[in-house]
């Protein structure tokens, strides 16, 4: 018999599908970040607590059969060993109905197996925590799915990750659901990693110029300094990734546009403070060109982070920036672009 409690209906729910053998920590940060704006609800197969879960005791609030996706904004599936529910028809119902409603479906480590057996991964790309030997055994479930080695992957409304990317996973979900400011996602990730203001970052930025010699730049504002500044587009270099591949990937992610690197890299070191937090960057600057020449005619381009438009990229000359009383970062870039 279920002992589920009444859930306040003033806010949308985010349902966590707990099961015997799951690993709650993989979605714990996600639940923390979402709890300010959503009712995070634990569902178990029968609505009863799962006493053998390691760590903190988690209370069950719903049974799977009581989950109503019309009340939900997202469904979270932790990893672990889902064999206890791999034949559970209610998980299929929940996940299929949620997918049909285009709700956010987020699964980590072994969690994508439940999405696969619900039949919603055909033609989609997913990250996962399985080893090759395990995948051989599980191959019938993942027929039609593209299994990625990436730490994290977003494919439409489906977000998946390896367990070691649980912080990226949590912040991405929170950004997409509006619980975290997407423009500050990098800082939030560093905070939970314990690295905010304490690490040297490696960045790859694109130097994109139009025929008038103006640069395509991200315009931003530092409220602590009351300072407007501009910076070339690009972002962090991932482990095992070249700078060239990083800058091409970042522009694709931010602008959904293709570039080619067209020149020799320049390197700058940038020690700075942003919003009161110190930073230290090694910046690789790549002269680049848009594959499609029509891009140069667009006055402003939306910059997207975690599925959200966070700002616009604009064309500015060094002289225009100086006349605004604004700054161009990283320091020293003026000499390079001139």
C-alpha atoms as a PDB file:
ATOM      1  CA  UNK A   1       0.000   0.000   0.000  1.00  0.00           C
ATOM      2  CA  UNK A   2       1.342   3.418  -0.933  1.00  0.00           C
ATOM      3  CA  UNK A   3       2.006   6.001   1.757  1.00  0.00           C
ATOM      4  CA  UNK A   4       2.559   8.866  -0.654  1.00  0.00           C
ATOM      5  CA  UNK A   5       1.977  12.344   0.657  1.00  0.00           C
ATOM      6  CA  UNK A   6       0.075  15.151  -1.008  1.00  0.00           C
ATOM      7  CA  UNK A   7       2.363  17.302  -3.147  1.00  0.00           C
ATOM      8  CA  UNK A   8       1.695  21.069  -3.339  1.00  0.00           C
ATOM      9  CA  UNK A   9       0.572  21.929  -6.857  1.00  0.00           C
ATOM     10  CA  UNK A  10       1.712  25.531  -6.957  1.00  0.00           C
ATOM     11  CA  UNK A  11       4.901  24.491  -8.753  1.00  0.00           C
ATOM     12  CA  UNK A  12       5.815  21.969 -11.408  1.00  0.00           C
ATOM     13  CA  UNK A  13       7.312  18.698 -10.253  1.00  0.00           C
ATOM     14  CA  UNK A  14      10.658  17.156 -11.098  1.00  0.00           C
ATOM     15  CA  UNK A  15      10.294  13.433 -10.456  1.00  0.00           C
ATOM     16  CA  UNK A  16      13.308  11.325  -9.491  1.00  0.00           C
ATOM     17  CA  UNK A  17      12.828   7.660 -10.403  1.00  0.00           C
ATOM     18  CA  UNK A  18      14.522   5.866  -7.492  1.00  0.00           C
ATOM     19  CA  UNK A  19      14.866   2.074  -7.538  1.00  0.00           C
ATOM     20  CA  UNK A  20      16.630  -0.644  -5.528  1.00  0.00           C
ATOM     21  CA  UNK A  21      20.301  -0.482  -6.446  1.00  0.00           C
ATOM     22  CA  UNK A  22      20.295   3.135  -7.679  1.00  0.00           C
ATOM     23  CA  UNK A  23      22.989   5.660  -6.691  1.00  0.00           C
ATOM     24  CA  UNK A  24      21.247   8.823  -5.441  1.00  0.00           C
ATOM     25  CA  UNK A  25      24.334  11.057  -5.312  1.00  0.00           C
ATOM     26  CA  UNK A  26      24.424  11.145  -9.113  1.00  0.00           C
ATOM     27  CA  UNK A  27      21.256  13.278  -9.135  1.00  0.00           C
ATOM     28  CA  UNK A  28      21.597  14.876  -5.670  1.00  0.00           C
ATOM     29  CA  UNK A  29      23.146  18.109  -6.952  1.00  0.00           C
ATOM     30  CA  UNK A  30      20.530  18.301  -9.702  1.00  0.00           C
ATOM     31  CA  UNK A  31      17.793  18.066  -7.065  1.00  0.00           C
ATOM     32  CA  UNK A  32      19.502  20.727  -4.937  1.00  0.00           C
ATOM     33  CA  UNK A  33      19.763  23.203  -7.818  1.00  0.00           C
ATOM     34  CA  UNK A  34      16.160  22.639  -8.919  1.00  0.00           C
ATOM     35  CA  UNK A  35      14.551  22.674  -5.481  1.00  0.00           C
ATOM     36  CA  UNK A  36      14.265  26.450  -5.362  1.00  0.00           C
ATOM     37  CA  UNK A  37      11.858  26.551  -8.303  1.00  0.00           C
ATOM     38  CA  UNK A  38      10.413  23.038  -8.539  1.00  0.00           C
ATOM     39  CA  UNK A  39       8.969  20.393  -6.234  1.00  0.00           C
ATOM     40  CA  UNK A  40      11.544  17.620  -6.436  1.00  0.00           C
ATOM     41  CA  UNK A  41       9.614  14.406  -5.788  1.00  0.00           C
ATOM     42  CA  UNK A  42      11.031  10.930  -5.141  1.00  0.00           C
ATOM     43  CA  UNK A  43       9.130   8.078  -6.807  1.00  0.00           C
ATOM     44  CA  UNK A  44       9.780   4.386  -6.138  1.00  0.00           C
ATOM     45  CA  UNK A  45       8.229   1.288  -7.738  1.00  0.00           C
ATOM     46  CA  UNK A  46       5.687   0.776  -4.931  1.00  0.00           C
ATOM     47  CA  UNK A  47       5.747   4.152  -3.172  1.00  0.00           C
ATOM     48  CA  UNK A  48       7.746   2.713  -0.263  1.00  0.00           C
ATOM     49  CA  UNK A  49      11.146   3.875   0.951  1.00  0.00           C
ATOM     50  CA  UNK A  50      14.122   1.912  -0.327  1.00  0.00           C
ATOM     51  CA  UNK A  51      16.018   1.077   2.878  1.00  0.00           C
ATOM     52  CA  UNK A  52      19.125  -0.336   1.244  1.00  0.00           C
ATOM     53  CA  UNK A  53      20.064   2.920  -0.533  1.00  0.00           C
ATOM     54  CA  UNK A  54      23.528   4.016   0.640  1.00  0.00           C
ATOM     55  CA  UNK A  55      24.044   7.271   2.500  1.00  0.00           C
ATOM     56  CA  UNK A  56      21.180   9.536   3.519  1.00  0.00           C
ATOM     57  CA  UNK A  57      17.759   7.933   3.843  1.00  0.00           C
ATOM     58  CA  UNK A  58      15.485   9.208   1.078  1.00  0.00           C
ATOM     59  CA  UNK A  59      11.742   9.310   1.572  1.00  0.00           C
ATOM     60  CA  UNK A  60       9.481   7.986  -1.167  1.00  0.00           C
ATOM     61  CA  UNK A  61       6.669  10.387  -2.016  1.00  0.00           C
ATOM     62  CA  UNK A  62       5.003   8.662  -4.950  1.00  0.00           C
ATOM     63  CA  UNK A  63       4.778   5.241  -6.494  1.00  0.00           C
ATOM     64  CA  UNK A  64       5.611   4.975 -10.173  1.00  0.00           C
ATOM     65  CA  UNK A  65       1.927   4.420 -10.928  1.00  0.00           C
ATOM     66  CA  UNK A  66       1.081   7.748  -9.247  1.00  0.00           C
ATOM     67  CA  UNK A  67       3.443   9.812 -11.405  1.00  0.00           C
ATOM     68  CA  UNK A  68       1.425  12.183 -13.575  1.00  0.00           C
ATOM     69  CA  UNK A  69       3.638  13.701 -16.274  1.00  0.00           C
ATOM     70  CA  UNK A  70       1.124  16.517 -16.767  1.00  0.00           C
ATOM     71  CA  UNK A  71       2.347  17.895 -13.455  1.00  0.00           C
ATOM     72  CA  UNK A  72       6.023  17.529 -14.349  1.00  0.00           C
ATOM     73  CA  UNK A  73       8.761  19.628 -15.869  1.00  0.00           C
ATOM     74  CA  UNK A  74      11.363  16.851 -15.939  1.00  0.00           C
ATOM     75  CA  UNK A  75      12.123  13.242 -15.055  1.00  0.00           C
ATOM     76  CA  UNK A  76      15.494  12.306 -13.512  1.00  0.00           C
ATOM     77  CA  UNK A  77      16.918   8.785 -13.690  1.00  0.00           C
ATOM     78  CA  UNK A  78      19.974   8.031 -11.515  1.00  0.00           C
ATOM     79  CA  UNK A  79      22.477   5.325 -12.348  1.00  0.00           C
ATOM     80  CA  UNK A  80      23.414   2.242 -10.391  1.00  0.00           C
ATOM     81  CA  UNK A  81      21.996  -1.180 -11.205  1.00  0.00           C
ATOM     82  CA  UNK A  82      18.496  -0.820 -12.699  1.00  0.00           C
ATOM     83  CA  UNK A  83      17.882  -4.550 -13.066  1.00  0.00           C
ATOM     84  CA  UNK A  84      15.188  -4.381 -10.345  1.00  0.00           C
ATOM     85  CA  UNK A  85      13.001  -2.202 -12.587  1.00  0.00           C
ATOM     86  CA  UNK A  86      14.174  -3.125 -16.064  1.00  0.00           C
ATOM     87  CA  UNK A  87      10.888  -4.973 -16.655  1.00  0.00           C
ATOM     88  CA  UNK A  88       8.729  -2.398 -14.851  1.00  0.00           C
ATOM     89  CA  UNK A  89       6.014  -1.205 -17.249  1.00  0.00           C
ATOM     90  CA  UNK A  90       5.367   1.974 -15.284  1.00  0.00           C
ATOM     91  CA  UNK A  91       8.833   3.303 -16.059  1.00  0.00           C
ATOM     92  CA  UNK A  92       8.056   2.768 -19.746  1.00  0.00           C
ATOM     93  CA  UNK A  93       4.783   4.649 -19.370  1.00  0.00           C
ATOM     94  CA  UNK A  94       6.334   7.558 -17.487  1.00  0.00           C
ATOM     95  CA  UNK A  95       9.243   7.987 -19.877  1.00  0.00           C
ATOM     96  CA  UNK A  96       7.200   7.586 -23.055  1.00  0.00           C
ATOM     97  CA  UNK A  97       4.538  10.036 -21.910  1.00  0.00           C
ATOM     98  CA  UNK A  98       7.196  12.497 -20.801  1.00  0.00           C
ATOM     99  CA  UNK A  99       8.998  12.228 -24.127  1.00  0.00           C
ATOM    100  CA  UNK A 100       5.760  12.722 -26.064  1.00  0.00           C
ATOM    101  CA  UNK A 101       5.152  15.865 -23.978  1.00  0.00           C
ATOM    102  CA  UNK A 102       8.727  17.001 -24.758  1.00  0.00           C
ATOM    103  CA  UNK A 103       9.608  17.141 -21.060  1.00  0.00           C
ATOM    104  CA  UNK A 104      13.243  17.133 -20.072  1.00  0.00           C
ATOM    105  CA  UNK A 105      14.453  13.548 -19.576  1.00  0.00           C
ATOM    106  CA  UNK A 106      17.788  13.319 -17.786  1.00  0.00           C
ATOM    107  CA  UNK A 107      19.591  10.040 -17.121  1.00  0.00           C
ATOM    108  CA  UNK A 108      23.103   9.427 -15.839  1.00  0.00           C
ATOM    109  CA  UNK A 109      25.495   6.452 -15.789  1.00  0.00           C
ATOM    110  CA  UNK A 110      23.281   3.335 -16.118  1.00  0.00           C
ATOM    111  CA  UNK A 111      20.091   5.407 -16.153  1.00  0.00           C
ATOM    112  CA  UNK A 112      19.933   5.608 -19.972  1.00  0.00           C
ATOM    113  CA  UNK A 113      19.124   1.888 -19.978  1.00  0.00           C
ATOM    114  CA  UNK A 114      15.610   2.703 -18.724  1.00  0.00           C
ATOM    115  CA  UNK A 115      15.193   5.266 -21.513  1.00  0.00           C
ATOM    116  CA  UNK A 116      16.392   2.696 -24.022  1.00  0.00           C
ATOM    117  CA  UNK A 117      14.049  -0.051 -22.865  1.00  0.00           C
ATOM    118  CA  UNK A 118      11.175   2.455 -23.016  1.00  0.00           C
ATOM    119  CA  UNK A 119      11.940   2.728 -26.744  1.00  0.00           C
ATOM    120  CA  UNK A 120      12.657   6.457 -26.856  1.00  0.00           C
ATOM    121  CA  UNK A 121      16.336   6.437 -27.834  1.00  0.00           C
ATOM    122  CA  UNK A 122      16.073   5.301 -31.448  1.00  0.00           C
ATOM    123  CA  UNK A 123      17.944   7.778 -33.634  1.00  0.00           C
ATOM    124  CA  UNK A 124      19.274   9.649 -30.617  1.00  0.00           C
ATOM    125  CA  UNK A 125      22.761  10.079 -29.213  1.00  0.00           C
ATOM    126  CA  UNK A 126      23.406   9.357 -25.539  1.00  0.00           C
ATOM    127  CA  UNK A 127      26.289   9.342 -23.085  1.00  0.00           C
ATOM    128  CA  UNK A 128      26.393   6.497 -20.560  1.00  0.00           C
ATOM    129  CA  UNK A 129      28.472   4.787 -17.895  1.00  0.00           C
ATOM    130  CA  UNK A 130      28.648   1.279 -19.339  1.00  0.00           C
ATOM    131  CA  UNK A 131      31.797  -0.638 -20.221  1.00  0.00           C
ATOM    132  CA  UNK A 132      32.134  -2.437 -23.571  1.00  0.00           C
ATOM    133  CA  UNK A 133      31.548  -5.878 -22.021  1.00  0.00           C
ATOM    134  CA  UNK A 134      28.313  -4.631 -20.438  1.00  0.00           C
ATOM    135  CA  UNK A 135      27.157  -3.074 -23.711  1.00  0.00           C
ATOM    136  CA  UNK A 136      27.543  -6.378 -25.517  1.00  0.00           C
ATOM    137  CA  UNK A 137      25.077  -7.895 -23.054  1.00  0.00           C
ATOM    138  CA  UNK A 138      22.744  -4.874 -23.233  1.00  0.00           C
ATOM    139  CA  UNK A 139      22.927  -4.392 -27.007  1.00  0.00           C
ATOM    140  CA  UNK A 140      19.283  -5.489 -27.622  1.00  0.00           C
ATOM    141  CA  UNK A 141      18.057  -2.566 -25.518  1.00  0.00           C
ATOM    142  CA  UNK A 142      20.110   0.064 -27.344  1.00  0.00           C
ATOM    143  CA  UNK A 143      19.241  -0.929 -30.914  1.00  0.00           C
ATOM    144  CA  UNK A 144      18.918   2.250 -32.991  1.00  0.00           C
ATOM    145  CA  UNK A 145      20.632   4.473 -30.418  1.00  0.00           C
ATOM    146  CA  UNK A 146      23.995   6.159 -30.993  1.00  0.00           C
ATOM    147  CA  UNK A 147      26.163   5.514 -27.930  1.00  0.00           C
ATOM    148  CA  UNK A 148      28.648   8.313 -27.326  1.00  0.00           C
ATOM    149  CA  UNK A 149      31.908   8.268 -25.361  1.00  0.00           C
ATOM    150  CA  UNK A 150      31.338  11.900 -24.360  1.00  0.00           C
ATOM    151  CA  UNK A 151      31.091  12.778 -20.686  1.00  0.00           C
ATOM    152  CA  UNK A 152      27.827  14.601 -21.341  1.00  0.00           C
ATOM    153  CA  UNK A 153      25.464  14.833 -24.288  1.00  0.00           C
ATOM    154  CA  UNK A 154      22.281  16.772 -25.022  1.00  0.00           C
ATOM    155  CA  UNK A 155      19.976  15.515 -27.764  1.00  0.00           C
ATOM    156  CA  UNK A 156      16.813  17.570 -27.844  1.00  0.00           C
ATOM    157  CA  UNK A 157      14.907  16.974 -24.612  1.00  0.00           C
ATOM    158  CA  UNK A 158      17.165  14.077 -23.586  1.00  0.00           C
ATOM    159  CA  UNK A 159      20.245  14.796 -21.455  1.00  0.00           C
ATOM    160  CA  UNK A 160      22.631  11.965 -20.562  1.00  0.00           C
ATOM    161  CA  UNK A 161      26.007  11.750 -18.839  1.00  0.00           C
ATOM    162  CA  UNK A 162      28.729   9.577 -17.395  1.00  0.00           C
ATOM    163  CA  UNK A 163      28.834   9.537 -13.580  1.00  0.00           C
ATOM    164  CA  UNK A 164      32.040  11.608 -13.455  1.00  0.00           C
ATOM    165  CA  UNK A 165      30.141  14.427 -15.188  1.00  0.00           C
ATOM    166  CA  UNK A 166      27.431  14.665 -12.510  1.00  0.00           C
ATOM    167  CA  UNK A 167      28.255  18.352 -11.872  1.00  0.00           C
ATOM    168  CA  UNK A 168      28.034  19.291 -15.568  1.00  0.00           C
ATOM    169  CA  UNK A 169      24.867  17.184 -15.773  1.00  0.00           C
ATOM    170  CA  UNK A 170      23.248  18.984 -12.832  1.00  0.00           C
ATOM    171  CA  UNK A 171      24.138  22.498 -13.950  1.00  0.00           C
ATOM    172  CA  UNK A 172      23.030  21.862 -17.542  1.00  0.00           C
ATOM    173  CA  UNK A 173      19.638  20.599 -16.373  1.00  0.00           C
ATOM    174  CA  UNK A 174      19.248  23.540 -13.996  1.00  0.00           C
ATOM    175  CA  UNK A 175      20.122  26.007 -16.776  1.00  0.00           C
ATOM    176  CA  UNK A 176      17.639  24.478 -19.196  1.00  0.00           C
ATOM    177  CA  UNK A 177      14.885  24.594 -16.565  1.00  0.00           C
ATOM    178  CA  UNK A 178      15.687  28.185 -15.610  1.00  0.00           C
ATOM    179  CA  UNK A 179      16.936  27.409 -12.087  1.00  0.00           C
ATOM    180  CA  UNK A 180      20.482  28.611 -12.859  1.00  0.00           C
ATOM    181  CA  UNK A 181      21.497  31.595 -14.984  1.00  0.00           C
ATOM    182  CA  UNK A 182      22.977  29.985 -18.102  1.00  0.00           C
ATOM    183  CA  UNK A 183      25.402  32.889 -18.569  1.00  0.00           C
ATOM    184  CA  UNK A 184      26.991  31.959 -15.226  1.00  0.00           C
ATOM    185  CA  UNK A 185      27.001  28.180 -15.735  1.00  0.00           C
ATOM    186  CA  UNK A 186      30.797  27.934 -15.868  1.00  0.00           C
ATOM    187  CA  UNK A 187      31.157  29.724 -12.549  1.00  0.00           C
ATOM    188  CA  UNK A 188      28.507  27.519 -10.929  1.00  0.00           C
ATOM    189  CA  UNK A 189      30.317  24.377 -12.115  1.00  0.00           C
ATOM    190  CA  UNK A 190      33.620  25.658 -10.750  1.00  0.00           C
ATOM    191  CA  UNK A 191      31.972  26.464  -7.418  1.00  0.00           C
ATOM    192  CA  UNK A 192      30.783  22.884  -6.944  1.00  0.00           C
ATOM    193  CA  UNK A 193      34.125  21.538  -8.137  1.00  0.00           C
ATOM    194  CA  UNK A 194      35.797  23.653  -5.456  1.00  0.00           C
ATOM    195  CA  UNK A 195      37.768  25.490  -8.138  1.00  0.00           C
ATOM    196  CA  UNK A 196      36.095  28.902  -8.324  1.00  0.00           C
ATOM    197  CA  UNK A 197      38.894  31.459  -8.399  1.00  0.00           C
ATOM    198  CA  UNK A 198      41.497  28.735  -7.819  1.00  0.00           C
ATOM    199  CA  UNK A 199      42.444  27.289 -11.181  1.00  0.00           C
ATOM    200  CA  UNK A 200      44.114  28.261 -14.431  1.00  0.00           C
ATOM    201  CA  UNK A 201      41.787  27.798 -17.392  1.00  0.00           C
ATOM    202  CA  UNK A 202      42.818  27.065 -20.968  1.00  0.00           C
ATOM    203  CA  UNK A 203      40.628  28.849 -23.498  1.00  0.00           C
ATOM    204  CA  UNK A 204      40.368  28.766 -27.280  1.00  0.00           C
ATOM    205  CA  UNK A 205      38.883  31.949 -28.775  1.00  0.00           C
ATOM    206  CA  UNK A 206      38.069  32.813 -32.385  1.00  0.00           C
ATOM    207  CA  UNK A 207      39.277  36.022 -34.006  1.00  0.00           C
ATOM    208  CA  UNK A 208      36.514  36.665 -36.550  1.00  0.00           C
ATOM    209  CA  UNK A 209      36.767  39.866 -38.633  1.00  0.00           C
ATOM    210  CA  UNK A 210      34.420  41.289 -41.237  1.00  0.00           C
ATOM    211  CA  UNK A 211      35.415  43.307 -44.315  1.00  0.00           C
ATOM    212  CA  UNK A 212      35.418  46.517 -42.262  1.00  0.00           C
ATOM    213  CA  UNK A 213      37.955  45.042 -39.871  1.00  0.00           C
ATOM    214  CA  UNK A 214      35.444  44.780 -37.045  1.00  0.00           C
ATOM    215  CA  UNK A 215      35.640  41.863 -34.626  1.00  0.00           C
ATOM    216  CA  UNK A 216      32.777  39.585 -33.645  1.00  0.00           C
ATOM    217  CA  UNK A 217      32.643  39.876 -29.858  1.00  0.00           C
ATOM    218  CA  UNK A 218      30.623  38.906 -26.823  1.00  0.00           C
ATOM    219  CA  UNK A 219      29.494  42.032 -24.952  1.00  0.00           C
ATOM    220  CA  UNK A 220      29.282  41.601 -21.179  1.00  0.00           C
ATOM    221  CA  UNK A 221      29.124  43.587 -17.950  1.00  0.00           C
ATOM    222  CA  UNK A 222      30.904  43.291 -14.605  1.00  0.00           C
ATOM    223  CA  UNK A 223      28.562  44.641 -11.928  1.00  0.00           C
ATOM    224  CA  UNK A 224      31.318  44.774  -9.277  1.00  0.00           C
ATOM    225  CA  UNK A 225      33.493  47.025 -11.425  1.00  0.00           C
ATOM    226  CA  UNK A 226      30.547  48.727 -13.167  1.00  0.00           C
ATOM    227  CA  UNK A 227      32.442  47.917 -16.363  1.00  0.00           C
ATOM    228  CA  UNK A 228      31.276  46.991 -19.865  1.00  0.00           C
ATOM    229  CA  UNK A 229      33.697  44.768 -21.734  1.00  0.00           C
ATOM    230  CA  UNK A 230      34.020  42.729 -24.922  1.00  0.00           C
ATOM    231  CA  UNK A 231      35.674  39.369 -25.527  1.00  0.00           C
ATOM    232  CA  UNK A 232      36.084  37.110 -28.592  1.00  0.00           C
ATOM    233  CA  UNK A 233      33.830  34.068 -28.716  1.00  0.00           C
ATOM    234  CA  UNK A 234      34.985  30.629 -27.702  1.00  0.00           C
ATOM    235  CA  UNK A 235      35.487  28.704 -24.496  1.00  0.00           C
ATOM    236  CA  UNK A 236      37.311  26.073 -22.497  1.00  0.00           C
ATOM    237  CA  UNK A 237      39.464  23.346 -23.993  1.00  0.00           C
ATOM    238  CA  UNK A 238      38.340  19.929 -22.828  1.00  0.00           C
ATOM    239  CA  UNK A 239      40.779  17.224 -21.742  1.00  0.00           C
ATOM    240  CA  UNK A 240      42.168  15.442 -24.807  1.00  0.00           C
ATOM    241  CA  UNK A 241      40.878  18.118 -27.187  1.00  0.00           C
ATOM    242  CA  UNK A 242      43.073  20.312 -29.381  1.00  0.00           C
ATOM    243  CA  UNK A 243      42.671  24.067 -29.292  1.00  0.00           C
ATOM    244  CA  UNK A 244      41.594  24.094 -32.940  1.00  0.00           C
ATOM    245  CA  UNK A 245      38.872  21.526 -32.331  1.00  0.00           C
ATOM    246  CA  UNK A 246      37.798  23.371 -29.192  1.00  0.00           C
ATOM    247  CA  UNK A 247      37.287  26.719 -30.913  1.00  0.00           C
ATOM    248  CA  UNK A 248      35.365  25.112 -33.802  1.00  0.00           C
ATOM    249  CA  UNK A 249      33.171  23.209 -31.321  1.00  0.00           C
ATOM    250  CA  UNK A 250      32.561  26.261 -29.134  1.00  0.00           C
ATOM    251  CA  UNK A 251      31.433  28.458 -32.036  1.00  0.00           C
ATOM    252  CA  UNK A 252      29.125  25.692 -33.225  1.00  0.00           C
ATOM    253  CA  UNK A 253      27.650  25.382 -29.731  1.00  0.00           C
ATOM    254  CA  UNK A 254      27.348  29.118 -29.108  1.00  0.00           C
ATOM    255  CA  UNK A 255      26.212  30.331 -32.525  1.00  0.00           C
ATOM    256  CA  UNK A 256      25.229  27.116 -34.355  1.00  0.00           C
ATOM    257  CA  UNK A 257      27.564  28.226 -37.157  1.00  0.00           C
ATOM    258  CA  UNK A 258      30.591  26.620 -38.812  1.00  0.00           C
ATOM    259  CA  UNK A 259      34.047  28.172 -38.868  1.00  0.00           C
ATOM    260  CA  UNK A 260      37.481  27.197 -40.117  1.00  0.00           C
ATOM    261  CA  UNK A 261      40.748  28.237 -38.480  1.00  0.00           C
ATOM    262  CA  UNK A 262      42.687  30.404 -40.930  1.00  0.00           C
ATOM    263  CA  UNK A 263      46.020  31.418 -39.447  1.00  0.00           C
ATOM    264  CA  UNK A 264      48.584  30.846 -36.752  1.00  0.00           C
ATOM    265  CA  UNK A 265      47.587  30.735 -33.109  1.00  0.00           C
ATOM    266  CA  UNK A 266      48.583  33.519 -30.708  1.00  0.00           C
ATOM    267  CA  UNK A 267      48.844  33.017 -26.966  1.00  0.00           C
ATOM    268  CA  UNK A 268      48.032  35.445 -24.166  1.00  0.00           C
ATOM    269  CA  UNK A 269      48.037  35.051 -20.410  1.00  0.00           C
ATOM    270  CA  UNK A 270      45.214  36.839 -18.611  1.00  0.00           C
ATOM    271  CA  UNK A 271      45.064  37.367 -14.838  1.00  0.00           C
ATOM    272  CA  UNK A 272      41.888  39.204 -13.946  1.00  0.00           C
ATOM    273  CA  UNK A 273      38.935  39.608 -11.618  1.00  0.00           C
ATOM    274  CA  UNK A 274      35.315  39.170 -12.683  1.00  0.00           C
ATOM    275  CA  UNK A 275      32.332  39.793 -10.402  1.00  0.00           C
ATOM    276  CA  UNK A 276      34.717  39.910  -7.465  1.00  0.00           C
ATOM    277  CA  UNK A 277      36.286  36.495  -8.167  1.00  0.00           C
ATOM    278  CA  UNK A 278      39.923  36.221  -9.335  1.00  0.00           C
ATOM    279  CA  UNK A 279      40.653  34.374 -12.551  1.00  0.00           C
ATOM    280  CA  UNK A 280      43.689  33.143 -14.457  1.00  0.00           C
ATOM    281  CA  UNK A 281      43.533  32.114 -18.123  1.00  0.00           C
ATOM    282  CA  UNK A 282      45.904  30.909 -20.797  1.00  0.00           C
ATOM    283  CA  UNK A 283      44.190  32.050 -24.003  1.00  0.00           C
ATOM    284  CA  UNK A 284      44.757  30.582 -27.470  1.00  0.00           C
ATOM    285  CA  UNK A 285      43.546  33.037 -30.124  1.00  0.00           C
ATOM    286  CA  UNK A 286      42.768  31.558 -33.547  1.00  0.00           C
ATOM    287  CA  UNK A 287      42.248  33.694 -36.675  1.00  0.00           C
ATOM    288  CA  UNK A 288      39.070  32.180 -38.113  1.00  0.00           C
ATOM    289  CA  UNK A 289      36.539  32.508 -40.920  1.00  0.00           C
ATOM    290  CA  UNK A 290      32.879  31.602 -41.241  1.00  0.00           C
ATOM    291  CA  UNK A 291      32.244  28.807 -43.711  1.00  0.00           C
ATOM    292  CA  UNK A 292      29.139  30.658 -44.930  1.00  0.00           C
ATOM    293  CA  UNK A 293      30.039  34.227 -46.059  1.00  0.00           C
ATOM    294  CA  UNK A 294      26.436  35.328 -45.399  1.00  0.00           C
ATOM    295  CA  UNK A 295      27.190  35.247 -41.667  1.00  0.00           C
ATOM    296  CA  UNK A 296      29.223  38.426 -41.992  1.00  0.00           C
ATOM    297  CA  UNK A 297      26.088  40.360 -42.955  1.00  0.00           C
ATOM    298  CA  UNK A 298      24.285  39.521 -39.699  1.00  0.00           C
ATOM    299  CA  UNK A 299      24.552  42.493 -37.348  1.00  0.00           C
ATOM    300  CA  UNK A 300      23.908  40.559 -34.128  1.00  0.00           C
ATOM    301  CA  UNK A 301      24.076  36.827 -33.464  1.00  0.00           C
ATOM    302  CA  UNK A 302      22.453  35.050 -30.528  1.00  0.00           C
ATOM    303  CA  UNK A 303      24.882  33.347 -28.140  1.00  0.00           C
ATOM    304  CA  UNK A 304      23.375  30.149 -26.738  1.00  0.00           C
ATOM    305  CA  UNK A 305      24.445  28.357 -23.564  1.00  0.00           C
ATOM    306  CA  UNK A 306      22.629  25.298 -22.196  1.00  0.00           C
ATOM    307  CA  UNK A 307      19.792  25.822 -24.654  1.00  0.00           C
ATOM    308  CA  UNK A 308      19.246  29.435 -23.531  1.00  0.00           C
ATOM    309  CA  UNK A 309      20.061  32.687 -25.317  1.00  0.00           C
ATOM    310  CA  UNK A 310      22.407  34.394 -22.874  1.00  0.00           C
ATOM    311  CA  UNK A 311      23.624  37.356 -24.938  1.00  0.00           C
ATOM    312  CA  UNK A 312      24.366  38.640 -28.430  1.00  0.00           C
ATOM    313  CA  UNK A 313      27.575  38.661 -30.419  1.00  0.00           C
ATOM    314  CA  UNK A 314      28.190  42.040 -32.070  1.00  0.00           C
ATOM    315  CA  UNK A 315      30.648  43.505 -34.547  1.00  0.00           C
ATOM    316  CA  UNK A 316      32.895  46.164 -32.996  1.00  0.00           C
ATOM    317  CA  UNK A 317      36.169  47.835 -33.926  1.00  0.00           C
ATOM    318  CA  UNK A 318      38.805  48.581 -31.301  1.00  0.00           C
ATOM    319  CA  UNK A 319      38.121  52.282 -31.814  1.00  0.00           C
ATOM    320  CA  UNK A 320      34.378  51.846 -31.193  1.00  0.00           C
ATOM    321  CA  UNK A 321      35.074  49.949 -27.982  1.00  0.00           C
ATOM    322  CA  UNK A 322      37.424  52.660 -26.788  1.00  0.00           C
ATOM    323  CA  UNK A 323      34.905  55.400 -27.625  1.00  0.00           C
ATOM    324  CA  UNK A 324      32.317  53.576 -25.479  1.00  0.00           C
ATOM    325  CA  UNK A 325      34.717  53.631 -22.545  1.00  0.00           C
ATOM    326  CA  UNK A 326      34.586  49.843 -22.566  1.00  0.00           C
ATOM    327  CA  UNK A 327      37.364  47.255 -22.327  1.00  0.00           C
ATOM    328  CA  UNK A 328      38.525  44.589 -24.757  1.00  0.00           C
ATOM    329  CA  UNK A 329      39.753  41.386 -23.140  1.00  0.00           C
ATOM    330  CA  UNK A 330      42.012  39.500 -22.832  1.00  0.00           C
ATOM    331  CA  UNK A 331      44.495  42.299 -22.247  1.00  0.00           C
ATOM    332  CA  UNK A 332      47.004  42.597 -25.083  1.00  0.00           C
ATOM    333  CA  UNK A 333      44.602  41.513 -27.787  1.00  0.00           C
ATOM    334  CA  UNK A 334      44.538  44.987 -29.410  1.00  0.00           C
ATOM    335  CA  UNK A 335      48.116  44.599 -30.623  1.00  0.00           C
ATOM    336  CA  UNK A 336      47.372  41.190 -32.088  1.00  0.00           C
ATOM    337  CA  UNK A 337      44.246  42.204 -34.002  1.00  0.00           C
ATOM    338  CA  UNK A 338      45.864  45.389 -35.322  1.00  0.00           C
END
